[in-house]
Amino acid sequence: AYGTQKSLRMVMATNGTLVDEAKVRKMIDSGIQRVSISID
């Protein structure tokens, strides 16, 4: 959120296993614009 406030484009790289509805809502609220998920 602080990075977004400073006009930075914030994205996240995660393995996806801890992502749920509540965390997605926090991602959106904090201004995260894209998330990468590792699939091998």
PDB file of all heavy atoms in Angstrom:
ATOM      1  N   ALA A   1       0.826  -1.206   0.000  1.00  0.00           N
ATOM      2  CA  ALA A   1       0.000   0.000   0.000  1.00  0.00           C
ATOM      3  C   ALA A   1       0.863   1.259   0.000  1.00  0.00           C
ATOM      4  O   ALA A   1       0.534   2.252  -0.670  1.00  0.00           O
ATOM      5  CB  ALA A   1      -0.929  -0.010   1.212  1.00  0.00           C
ATOM      6  N   TYR A   2       1.979   1.227   0.741  1.00  0.00           N
ATOM      7  CA  TYR A   2       2.855   2.397   0.801  1.00  0.00           C
ATOM      8  C   TYR A   2       3.510   2.631  -0.558  1.00  0.00           C
ATOM      9  O   TYR A   2       3.622   3.776  -1.017  1.00  0.00           O
ATOM     10  CB  TYR A   2       3.917   2.203   1.873  1.00  0.00           C
ATOM     11  CG  TYR A   2       4.686   3.468   2.196  1.00  0.00           C
ATOM     12  CD1 TYR A   2       4.079   4.516   2.882  1.00  0.00           C
ATOM     13  CD2 TYR A   2       6.013   3.616   1.810  1.00  0.00           C
ATOM     14  CE1 TYR A   2       4.777   5.679   3.172  1.00  0.00           C
ATOM     15  CE2 TYR A   2       6.724   4.772   2.100  1.00  0.00           C
ATOM     16  CZ  TYR A   2       6.099   5.798   2.777  1.00  0.00           C
ATOM     17  OH  TYR A   2       6.793   6.947   3.065  1.00  0.00           O
ATOM     18  N   GLY A   3       3.932   1.556  -1.220  1.00  0.00           N
ATOM     19  CA  GLY A   3       4.493   1.691  -2.556  1.00  0.00           C
ATOM     20  C   GLY A   3       3.478   2.246  -3.536  1.00  0.00           C
ATOM     21  O   GLY A   3       3.797   3.097  -4.372  1.00  0.00           O
ATOM     22  N   THR A   4       2.248   1.772  -3.451  1.00  0.00           N
ATOM     23  CA  THR A   4       1.177   2.280  -4.307  1.00  0.00           C
ATOM     24  C   THR A   4       0.952   3.768  -4.055  1.00  0.00           C
ATOM     25  O   THR A   4       0.783   4.560  -4.994  1.00  0.00           O
ATOM     26  CB  THR A   4      -0.122   1.495  -4.057  1.00  0.00           C
ATOM     27  OG1 THR A   4       0.089   0.111  -4.379  1.00  0.00           O
ATOM     28  CG2 THR A   4      -1.256   2.040  -4.904  1.00  0.00           C
ATOM     29  N   GLN A   5       0.966   4.150  -2.782  1.00  0.00           N
ATOM     30  CA  GLN A   5       0.804   5.560  -2.404  1.00  0.00           C
ATOM     31  C   GLN A   5       1.902   6.428  -3.025  1.00  0.00           C
ATOM     32  O   GLN A   5       1.669   7.588  -3.367  1.00  0.00           O
ATOM     33  CB  GLN A   5       0.836   5.687  -0.881  1.00  0.00           C
ATOM     34  CG  GLN A   5       0.686   7.097  -0.343  1.00  0.00           C
ATOM     35  CD  GLN A   5       0.865   7.135   1.167  1.00  0.00           C
ATOM     36  OE1 GLN A   5       0.553   6.187   1.873  1.00  0.00           O
ATOM     37  NE2 GLN A   5       1.385   8.245   1.668  1.00  0.00           N
ATOM     38  N   LYS A   6       3.093   5.844  -3.198  1.00  0.00           N
ATOM     39  CA  LYS A   6       4.219   6.564  -3.787  1.00  0.00           C
ATOM     40  C   LYS A   6       4.244   6.446  -5.321  1.00  0.00           C
ATOM     41  O   LYS A   6       5.244   6.768  -5.957  1.00  0.00           O
ATOM     42  CB  LYS A   6       5.536   6.019  -3.227  1.00  0.00           C
ATOM     43  CG  LYS A   6       5.720   6.280  -1.730  1.00  0.00           C
ATOM     44  CD  LYS A   6       5.867   7.755  -1.441  1.00  0.00           C
ATOM     45  CE  LYS A   6       6.071   8.026   0.039  1.00  0.00           C
ATOM     46  NZ  LYS A   6       6.280   9.466   0.312  1.00  0.00           N
ATOM     47  N   SER A   7       3.148   5.976  -5.888  1.00  0.00           N
ATOM     48  CA  SER A   7       2.984   5.873  -7.344  1.00  0.00           C
ATOM     49  C   SER A   7       3.880   4.824  -7.982  1.00  0.00           C
ATOM     50  O   SER A   7       4.216   4.920  -9.172  1.00  0.00           O
ATOM     51  CB  SER A   7       3.213   7.238  -8.016  1.00  0.00           C
ATOM     52  OG  SER A   7       2.278   8.179  -7.555  1.00  0.00           O
ATOM     53  N   LEU A   8       4.280   3.808  -7.218  1.00  0.00           N
ATOM     54  CA  LEU A   8       5.032   2.690  -7.766  1.00  0.00           C
ATOM     55  C   LEU A   8       4.052   1.600  -8.201  1.00  0.00           C
ATOM     56  O   LEU A   8       3.012   1.411  -7.580  1.00  0.00           O
ATOM     57  CB  LEU A   8       6.003   2.136  -6.730  1.00  0.00           C
ATOM     58  CG  LEU A   8       7.037   3.122  -6.187  1.00  0.00           C
ATOM     59  CD1 LEU A   8       7.865   2.466  -5.095  1.00  0.00           C
ATOM     60  CD2 LEU A   8       7.940   3.635  -7.296  1.00  0.00           C
ATOM     61  N   ARG A   9       4.402   0.892  -9.260  1.00  0.00           N
ATOM     62  CA  ARG A   9       3.584  -0.240  -9.699  1.00  0.00           C
ATOM     63  C   ARG A   9       4.005  -1.460  -8.895  1.00  0.00           C
ATOM     64  O   ARG A   9       5.109  -1.982  -9.058  1.00  0.00           O
ATOM     65  CB  ARG A   9       3.762  -0.496 -11.196  1.00  0.00           C
ATOM     66  CG  ARG A   9       2.971  -1.709 -11.711  1.00  0.00           C
ATOM     67  CD  ARG A   9       3.176  -1.886 -13.207  1.00  0.00           C
ATOM     68  NE  ARG A   9       2.687  -3.177 -13.674  1.00  0.00           N
ATOM     69  CZ  ARG A   9       1.459  -3.423 -14.126  1.00  0.00           C
ATOM     70  NH1 ARG A   9       0.588  -2.443 -14.188  1.00  0.00           N
ATOM     71  NH2 ARG A   9       1.112  -4.638 -14.531  1.00  0.00           N
ATOM     72  N   MET A  10       3.141  -1.928  -8.023  1.00  0.00           N
ATOM     73  CA  MET A  10       3.450  -3.026  -7.121  1.00  0.00           C
ATOM     74  C   MET A  10       2.856  -4.329  -7.659  1.00  0.00           C
ATOM     75  O   MET A  10       1.654  -4.410  -7.957  1.00  0.00           O
ATOM     76  CB  MET A  10       2.901  -2.745  -5.720  1.00  0.00           C
ATOM     77  CG  MET A  10       3.313  -1.396  -5.134  1.00  0.00           C
ATOM     78  SD  MET A  10       5.106  -1.183  -4.950  1.00  0.00           S
ATOM     79  CE  MET A  10       5.446  -2.303  -3.581  1.00  0.00           C
ATOM     80  N   VAL A  11       3.699  -5.355  -7.777  1.00  0.00           N
ATOM     81  CA  VAL A  11       3.261  -6.678  -8.196  1.00  0.00           C
ATOM     82  C   VAL A  11       3.829  -7.696  -7.212  1.00  0.00           C
ATOM     83  O   VAL A  11       4.680  -7.370  -6.383  1.00  0.00           O
ATOM     84  CB  VAL A  11       3.693  -6.994  -9.645  1.00  0.00           C
ATOM     85  CG1 VAL A  11       3.099  -5.992 -10.616  1.00  0.00           C
ATOM     86  CG2 VAL A  11       5.213  -6.996  -9.773  1.00  0.00           C
ATOM     87  N   MET A  12       3.373  -8.923  -7.281  1.00  0.00           N
ATOM     88  CA  MET A  12       3.812  -9.929  -6.311  1.00  0.00           C
ATOM     89  C   MET A  12       4.106 -11.252  -6.998  1.00  0.00           C
ATOM     90  O   MET A  12       3.399 -11.656  -7.934  1.00  0.00           O
ATOM     91  CB  MET A  12       2.727 -10.133  -5.241  1.00  0.00           C
ATOM     92  CG  MET A  12       3.093 -11.175  -4.185  1.00  0.00           C
ATOM     93  SD  MET A  12       1.815 -11.380  -2.895  1.00  0.00           S
ATOM     94  CE  MET A  12       2.031  -9.860  -1.971  1.00  0.00           C
ATOM     95  N   ALA A  13       5.151 -11.948  -6.530  1.00  0.00           N
ATOM     96  CA  ALA A  13       5.496 -13.292  -6.993  1.00  0.00           C
ATOM     97  C   ALA A  13       5.313 -14.253  -5.829  1.00  0.00           C
ATOM     98  O   ALA A  13       5.971 -14.109  -4.790  1.00  0.00           O
ATOM     99  CB  ALA A  13       6.931 -13.331  -7.505  1.00  0.00           C
ATOM    100  N   THR A  14       4.431 -15.222  -5.971  1.00  0.00           N
ATOM    101  CA  THR A  14       4.091 -16.139  -4.888  1.00  0.00           C
ATOM    102  C   THR A  14       3.956 -17.555  -5.426  1.00  0.00           C
ATOM    103  O   THR A  14       3.756 -17.753  -6.629  1.00  0.00           O
ATOM    104  CB  THR A  14       2.767 -15.708  -4.207  1.00  0.00           C
ATOM    105  OG1 THR A  14       2.333 -16.714  -3.289  1.00  0.00           O
ATOM    106  CG2 THR A  14       1.663 -15.494  -5.224  1.00  0.00           C
ATOM    107  N   ASN A  15       4.062 -18.544  -4.535  1.00  0.00           N
ATOM    108  CA  ASN A  15       3.826 -19.927  -4.974  1.00  0.00           C
ATOM    109  C   ASN A  15       2.334 -20.251  -5.018  1.00  0.00           C
ATOM    110  O   ASN A  15       1.946 -21.314  -5.496  1.00  0.00           O
ATOM    111  CB  ASN A  15       4.588 -20.930  -4.100  1.00  0.00           C
ATOM    112  CG  ASN A  15       4.186 -20.878  -2.630  1.00  0.00           C
ATOM    113  OD1 ASN A  15       3.005 -20.848  -2.279  1.00  0.00           O
ATOM    114  ND2 ASN A  15       5.182 -20.887  -1.740  1.00  0.00           N
ATOM    115  N   GLY A  16       1.507 -19.353  -4.509  1.00  0.00           N
ATOM    116  CA  GLY A  16       0.063 -19.489  -4.640  1.00  0.00           C
ATOM    117  C   GLY A  16      -0.631 -20.288  -3.566  1.00  0.00           C
ATOM    118  O   GLY A  16      -1.854 -20.212  -3.413  1.00  0.00           O
ATOM    119  N   THR A  17       0.115 -21.059  -2.783  1.00  0.00           N
ATOM    120  CA  THR A  17      -0.524 -21.970  -1.837  1.00  0.00           C
ATOM    121  C   THR A  17      -1.155 -21.260  -0.642  1.00  0.00           C
ATOM    122  O   THR A  17      -2.011 -21.839   0.039  1.00  0.00           O
ATOM    123  CB  THR A  17       0.485 -23.008  -1.318  1.00  0.00           C
ATOM    124  OG1 THR A  17       1.550 -22.335  -0.620  1.00  0.00           O
ATOM    125  CG2 THR A  17       1.067 -23.825  -2.463  1.00  0.00           C
ATOM    126  N   LEU A  18      -0.744 -20.028  -0.374  1.00  0.00           N
ATOM    127  CA  LEU A  18      -1.298 -19.279   0.757  1.00  0.00           C
ATOM    128  C   LEU A  18      -2.338 -18.253   0.323  1.00  0.00           C
ATOM    129  O   LEU A  18      -2.861 -17.507   1.152  1.00  0.00           O
ATOM    130  CB  LEU A  18      -0.167 -18.565   1.518  1.00  0.00           C
ATOM    131  CG  LEU A  18       0.939 -19.463   2.079  1.00  0.00           C
ATOM    132  CD1 LEU A  18       1.986 -18.627   2.811  1.00  0.00           C
ATOM    133  CD2 LEU A  18       0.356 -20.522   3.020  1.00  0.00           C
ATOM    134  N   VAL A  19      -2.643 -18.241  -0.969  1.00  0.00           N
ATOM    135  CA  VAL A  19      -3.608 -17.272  -1.487  1.00  0.00           C
ATOM    136  C   VAL A  19      -5.025 -17.771  -1.257  1.00  0.00           C
ATOM    137  O   VAL A  19      -5.363 -18.897  -1.611  1.00  0.00           O
ATOM    138  CB  VAL A  19      -3.368 -17.027  -2.991  1.00  0.00           C
ATOM    139  CG1 VAL A  19      -4.438 -16.097  -3.556  1.00  0.00           C
ATOM    140  CG2 VAL A  19      -1.977 -16.456  -3.231  1.00  0.00           C
ATOM    141  N   ASP A  20      -5.849 -16.929  -0.646  1.00  0.00           N
ATOM    142  CA  ASP A  20      -7.261 -17.240  -0.482  1.00  0.00           C
ATOM    143  C   ASP A  20      -8.067 -15.963  -0.735  1.00  0.00           C
ATOM    144  O   ASP A  20      -7.510 -14.909  -1.083  1.00  0.00           O
ATOM    145  CB  ASP A  20      -7.555 -17.814   0.912  1.00  0.00           C
ATOM    146  CG  ASP A  20      -7.087 -16.907   2.050  1.00  0.00           C
ATOM    147  OD1 ASP A  20      -6.927 -15.682   1.816  1.00  0.00           O
ATOM    148  OD2 ASP A  20      -6.873 -17.410   3.164  1.00  0.00           O
ATOM    149  N   GLU A  21      -9.363 -16.042  -0.571  1.00  0.00           N
ATOM    150  CA  GLU A  21     -10.229 -14.900  -0.873  1.00  0.00           C
ATOM    151  C   GLU A  21      -9.850 -13.662  -0.062  1.00  0.00           C
ATOM    152  O   GLU A  21      -9.812 -12.542  -0.591  1.00  0.00           O
ATOM    153  CB  GLU A  21     -11.682 -15.284  -0.603  1.00  0.00           C
ATOM    154  CG  GLU A  21     -12.682 -14.192  -0.942  1.00  0.00           C
ATOM    155  CD  GLU A  21     -14.117 -14.629  -0.671  1.00  0.00           C
ATOM    156  OE1 GLU A  21     -14.356 -15.827  -0.467  1.00  0.00           O
ATOM    157  OE2 GLU A  21     -15.012 -13.743  -0.676  1.00  0.00           O
ATOM    158  N   ALA A  22      -9.559 -13.858   1.223  1.00  0.00           N
ATOM    159  CA  ALA A  22      -9.222 -12.720   2.088  1.00  0.00           C
ATOM    160  C   ALA A  22      -7.921 -12.053   1.640  1.00  0.00           C
ATOM    161  O   ALA A  22      -7.814 -10.821   1.615  1.00  0.00           O
ATOM    162  CB  ALA A  22      -9.114 -13.178   3.537  1.00  0.00           C
ATOM    163  N   LYS A  23      -6.926 -12.862   1.290  1.00  0.00           N
ATOM    164  CA  LYS A  23      -5.649 -12.285   0.858  1.00  0.00           C
ATOM    165  C   LYS A  23      -5.779 -11.594  -0.489  1.00  0.00           C
ATOM    166  O   LYS A  23      -5.136 -10.567  -0.736  1.00  0.00           O
ATOM    167  CB  LYS A  23      -4.563 -13.361   0.828  1.00  0.00           C
ATOM    168  CG  LYS A  23      -4.085 -13.782   2.219  1.00  0.00           C
ATOM    169  CD  LYS A  23      -2.869 -14.658   2.126  1.00  0.00           C
ATOM    170  CE  LYS A  23      -2.314 -14.971   3.529  1.00  0.00           C
ATOM    171  NZ  LYS A  23      -3.257 -15.786   4.317  1.00  0.00           N
ATOM    172  N   VAL A  24      -6.590 -12.135  -1.374  1.00  0.00           N
ATOM    173  CA  VAL A  24      -6.806 -11.477  -2.661  1.00  0.00           C
ATOM    174  C   VAL A  24      -7.434 -10.104  -2.445  1.00  0.00           C
ATOM    175  O   VAL A  24      -7.061  -9.122  -3.093  1.00  0.00           O
ATOM    176  CB  VAL A  24      -7.680 -12.345  -3.581  1.00  0.00           C
ATOM    177  CG1 VAL A  24      -8.042 -11.571  -4.853  1.00  0.00           C
ATOM    178  CG2 VAL A  24      -6.961 -13.635  -3.953  1.00  0.00           C
ATOM    179  N   ARG A  25      -8.370 -10.014  -1.512  1.00  0.00           N
ATOM    180  CA  ARG A  25      -8.992  -8.720  -1.218  1.00  0.00           C
ATOM    181  C   ARG A  25      -7.939  -7.740  -0.704  1.00  0.00           C
ATOM    182  O   ARG A  25      -7.941  -6.554  -1.088  1.00  0.00           O
ATOM    183  CB  ARG A  25     -10.116  -8.919  -0.177  1.00  0.00           C
ATOM    184  CG  ARG A  25     -10.771  -7.633   0.326  1.00  0.00           C
ATOM    185  CD  ARG A  25     -11.152  -6.675  -0.766  1.00  0.00           C
ATOM    186  NE  ARG A  25     -11.939  -7.295  -1.824  1.00  0.00           N
ATOM    187  CZ  ARG A  25     -12.189  -6.724  -2.993  1.00  0.00           C
ATOM    188  NH1 ARG A  25     -11.664  -5.538  -3.273  1.00  0.00           N
ATOM    189  NH2 ARG A  25     -12.912  -7.339  -3.904  1.00  0.00           N
ATOM    190  N   LYS A  26      -7.023  -8.202   0.124  1.00  0.00           N
ATOM    191  CA  LYS A  26      -5.955  -7.328   0.625  1.00  0.00           C
ATOM    192  C   LYS A  26      -5.004  -6.932  -0.498  1.00  0.00           C
ATOM    193  O   LYS A  26      -4.496  -5.804  -0.518  1.00  0.00           O
ATOM    194  CB  LYS A  26      -5.198  -8.030   1.749  1.00  0.00           C
ATOM    195  CG  LYS A  26      -6.008  -8.175   3.041  1.00  0.00           C
ATOM    196  CD  LYS A  26      -5.192  -8.862   4.129  1.00  0.00           C
ATOM    197  CE  LYS A  26      -5.992  -8.971   5.413  1.00  0.00           C
ATOM    198  NZ  LYS A  26      -5.231  -9.650   6.498  1.00  0.00           N
ATOM    199  N   MET A  27      -4.743  -7.847  -1.426  1.00  0.00           N
ATOM    200  CA  MET A  27      -3.917  -7.510  -2.592  1.00  0.00           C
ATOM    201  C   MET A  27      -4.541  -6.357  -3.360  1.00  0.00           C
ATOM    202  O   MET A  27      -3.870  -5.369  -3.709  1.00  0.00           O
ATOM    203  CB  MET A  27      -3.771  -8.731  -3.512  1.00  0.00           C
ATOM    204  CG  MET A  27      -2.929  -9.862  -2.970  1.00  0.00           C
ATOM    205  SD  MET A  27      -2.967 -11.276  -4.111  1.00  0.00           S
ATOM    206  CE  MET A  27      -1.955 -12.456  -3.233  1.00  0.00           C
ATOM    207  N   ILE A  28      -5.816  -6.483  -3.631  1.00  0.00           N
ATOM    208  CA  ILE A  28      -6.510  -5.453  -4.399  1.00  0.00           C
ATOM    209  C   ILE A  28      -6.535  -4.134  -3.635  1.00  0.00           C
ATOM    210  O   ILE A  28      -6.242  -3.068  -4.188  1.00  0.00           O
ATOM    211  CB  ILE A  28      -7.944  -5.926  -4.735  1.00  0.00           C
ATOM    212  CG1 ILE A  28      -7.880  -7.136  -5.684  1.00  0.00           C
ATOM    213  CG2 ILE A  28      -8.755  -4.791  -5.352  1.00  0.00           C
ATOM    214  CD1 ILE A  28      -9.213  -7.807  -5.921  1.00  0.00           C
ATOM    215  N   ASP A  29      -6.862  -4.193  -2.358  1.00  0.00           N
ATOM    216  CA  ASP A  29      -6.955  -2.976  -1.543  1.00  0.00           C
ATOM    217  C   ASP A  29      -5.609  -2.263  -1.414  1.00  0.00           C
ATOM    218  O   ASP A  29      -5.562  -1.033  -1.286  1.00  0.00           O
ATOM    219  CB  ASP A  29      -7.503  -3.303  -0.155  1.00  0.00           C
ATOM    220  CG  ASP A  29      -8.971  -3.707  -0.181  1.00  0.00           C
ATOM    221  OD1 ASP A  29      -9.632  -3.459  -1.211  1.00  0.00           O
ATOM    222  OD2 ASP A  29      -9.443  -4.285   0.818  1.00  0.00           O
ATOM    223  N   SER A  30      -4.514  -3.028  -1.421  1.00  0.00           N
ATOM    224  CA  SER A  30      -3.182  -2.425  -1.270  1.00  0.00           C
ATOM    225  C   SER A  30      -2.589  -1.967  -2.599  1.00  0.00           C
ATOM    226  O   SER A  30      -1.496  -1.418  -2.631  1.00  0.00           O
ATOM    227  CB  SER A  30      -2.230  -3.414  -0.591  1.00  0.00           C
ATOM    228  OG  SER A  30      -2.019  -4.558  -1.399  1.00  0.00           O
ATOM    229  N   GLY A  31      -3.305  -2.223  -3.700  1.00  0.00           N
ATOM    230  CA  GLY A  31      -2.864  -1.725  -5.003  1.00  0.00           C
ATOM    231  C   GLY A  31      -1.981  -2.664  -5.794  1.00  0.00           C
ATOM    232  O   GLY A  31      -1.389  -2.252  -6.805  1.00  0.00           O
ATOM    233  N   ILE A  32      -1.854  -3.918  -5.380  1.00  0.00           N
ATOM    234  CA  ILE A  32      -1.080  -4.891  -6.167  1.00  0.00           C
ATOM    235  C   ILE A  32      -1.788  -5.114  -7.493  1.00  0.00           C
ATOM    236  O   ILE A  32      -2.979  -5.412  -7.530  1.00  0.00           O
ATOM    237  CB  ILE A  32      -0.909  -6.208  -5.391  1.00  0.00           C
ATOM    238  CG1 ILE A  32       0.002  -5.980  -4.178  1.00  0.00           C
ATOM    239  CG2 ILE A  32      -0.346  -7.304  -6.286  1.00  0.00           C
ATOM    240  CD1 ILE A  32       0.123  -7.160  -3.253  1.00  0.00           C
ATOM    241  N   GLN A  33      -1.042  -4.967  -8.592  1.00  0.00           N
ATOM    242  CA  GLN A  33      -1.671  -4.950  -9.906  1.00  0.00           C
ATOM    243  C   GLN A  33      -1.571  -6.255 -10.677  1.00  0.00           C
ATOM    244  O   GLN A  33      -2.352  -6.494 -11.601  1.00  0.00           O
ATOM    245  CB  GLN A  33      -1.075  -3.805 -10.740  1.00  0.00           C
ATOM    246  CG  GLN A  33      -1.344  -2.445 -10.109  1.00  0.00           C
ATOM    247  CD  GLN A  33      -0.876  -1.309 -10.982  1.00  0.00           C
ATOM    248  OE1 GLN A  33      -1.015  -1.342 -12.206  1.00  0.00           O
ATOM    249  NE2 GLN A  33      -0.312  -0.284 -10.380  1.00  0.00           N
ATOM    250  N   ARG A  34      -0.601  -7.082 -10.334  1.00  0.00           N
ATOM    251  CA  ARG A  34      -0.510  -8.399 -10.973  1.00  0.00           C
ATOM    252  C   ARG A  34       0.200  -9.334 -10.022  1.00  0.00           C
ATOM    253  O   ARG A  34       1.066  -8.925  -9.259  1.00  0.00           O
ATOM    254  CB  ARG A  34       0.231  -8.346 -12.312  1.00  0.00           C
ATOM    255  CG  ARG A  34       0.318  -9.721 -12.999  1.00  0.00           C
ATOM    256  CD  ARG A  34       1.165  -9.723 -14.260  1.00  0.00           C
ATOM    257  NE  ARG A  34       0.446  -9.210 -15.415  1.00  0.00           N
ATOM    258  CZ  ARG A  34       0.891  -9.325 -16.673  1.00  0.00           C
ATOM    259  NH1 ARG A  34       2.050  -9.924 -16.931  1.00  0.00           N
ATOM    260  NH2 ARG A  34       0.188  -8.840 -17.672  1.00  0.00           N
ATOM    261  N   VAL A  35      -0.155 -10.619 -10.088  1.00  0.00           N
ATOM    262  CA  VAL A  35       0.471 -11.647  -9.260  1.00  0.00           C
ATOM    263  C   VAL A  35       0.982 -12.751 -10.174  1.00  0.00           C
ATOM    264  O   VAL A  35       0.288 -13.177 -11.101  1.00  0.00           O
ATOM    265  CB  VAL A  35      -0.531 -12.234  -8.243  1.00  0.00           C
ATOM    266  CG1 VAL A  35       0.117 -13.360  -7.438  1.00  0.00           C
ATOM    267  CG2 VAL A  35      -1.060 -11.142  -7.314  1.00  0.00           C
ATOM    268  N   SER A  36       2.209 -13.196  -9.939  1.00  0.00           N
ATOM    269  CA  SER A  36       2.727 -14.348 -10.672  1.00  0.00           C
ATOM    270  C   SER A  36       2.664 -15.573  -9.768  1.00  0.00           C
ATOM    271  O   SER A  36       2.957 -15.502  -8.581  1.00  0.00           O
ATOM    272  CB  SER A  36       4.166 -14.109 -11.140  1.00  0.00           C
ATOM    273  OG  SER A  36       5.055 -14.025 -10.047  1.00  0.00           O
ATOM    274  N   ILE A  37       2.254 -16.684 -10.360  1.00  0.00           N
ATOM    275  CA  ILE A  37       2.180 -17.971  -9.668  1.00  0.00           C
ATOM    276  C   ILE A  37       3.128 -18.935 -10.367  1.00  0.00           C
ATOM    277  O   ILE A  37       3.121 -19.047 -11.596  1.00  0.00           O
ATOM    278  CB  ILE A  37       0.752 -18.553  -9.712  1.00  0.00           C
ATOM    279  CG1 ILE A  37      -0.259 -17.587  -9.099  1.00  0.00           C
ATOM    280  CG2 ILE A  37       0.710 -19.908  -9.006  1.00  0.00           C
ATOM    281  CD1 ILE A  37      -0.188 -17.456  -7.614  1.00  0.00           C
ATOM    282  N   SER A  38       3.939 -19.629  -9.609  1.00  0.00           N
ATOM    283  CA  SER A  38       4.891 -20.574 -10.183  1.00  0.00           C
ATOM    284  C   SER A  38       4.225 -21.925 -10.413  1.00  0.00           C
ATOM    285  O   SER A  38       3.720 -22.545  -9.484  1.00  0.00           O
ATOM    286  CB  SER A  38       6.094 -20.749  -9.251  1.00  0.00           C
ATOM    287  OG  SER A  38       6.780 -19.526  -9.095  1.00  0.00           O
ATOM    288  N   ILE A  39       4.228 -22.368 -11.669  1.00  0.00           N
ATOM    289  CA  ILE A  39       3.713 -23.692 -12.045  1.00  0.00           C
ATOM    290  C   ILE A  39       4.804 -24.380 -12.861  1.00  0.00           C
ATOM    291  O   ILE A  39       5.159 -23.928 -13.956  1.00  0.00           O
ATOM    292  CB  ILE A  39       2.412 -23.601 -12.873  1.00  0.00           C
ATOM    293  CG1 ILE A  39       1.290 -22.934 -12.065  1.00  0.00           C
ATOM    294  CG2 ILE A  39       1.994 -24.982 -13.354  1.00  0.00           C
ATOM    295  CD1 ILE A  39       0.757 -23.768 -10.925  1.00  0.00           C
ATOM    296  N   ASP A  40       5.335 -25.492 -12.344  1.00  0.00           N
ATOM    297  CA  ASP A  40       6.458 -26.169 -12.992  1.00  0.00           C
ATOM    298  C   ASP A  40       6.098 -27.554 -13.528  1.00  0.00           C
ATOM    299  O   ASP A  40       6.984 -28.315 -13.930  1.00  0.00           O
ATOM    300  CB  ASP A  40       7.633 -26.280 -12.016  1.00  0.00           C
ATOM    301  CG  ASP A  40       8.169 -24.910 -11.633  1.00  0.00           C
ATOM    302  OD1 ASP A  40       8.256 -24.039 -12.516  1.00  0.00           O
ATOM    303  OD2 ASP A  40       8.483 -24.700 -10.447  1.00  0.00           O
TER     304      ASP A  40
END
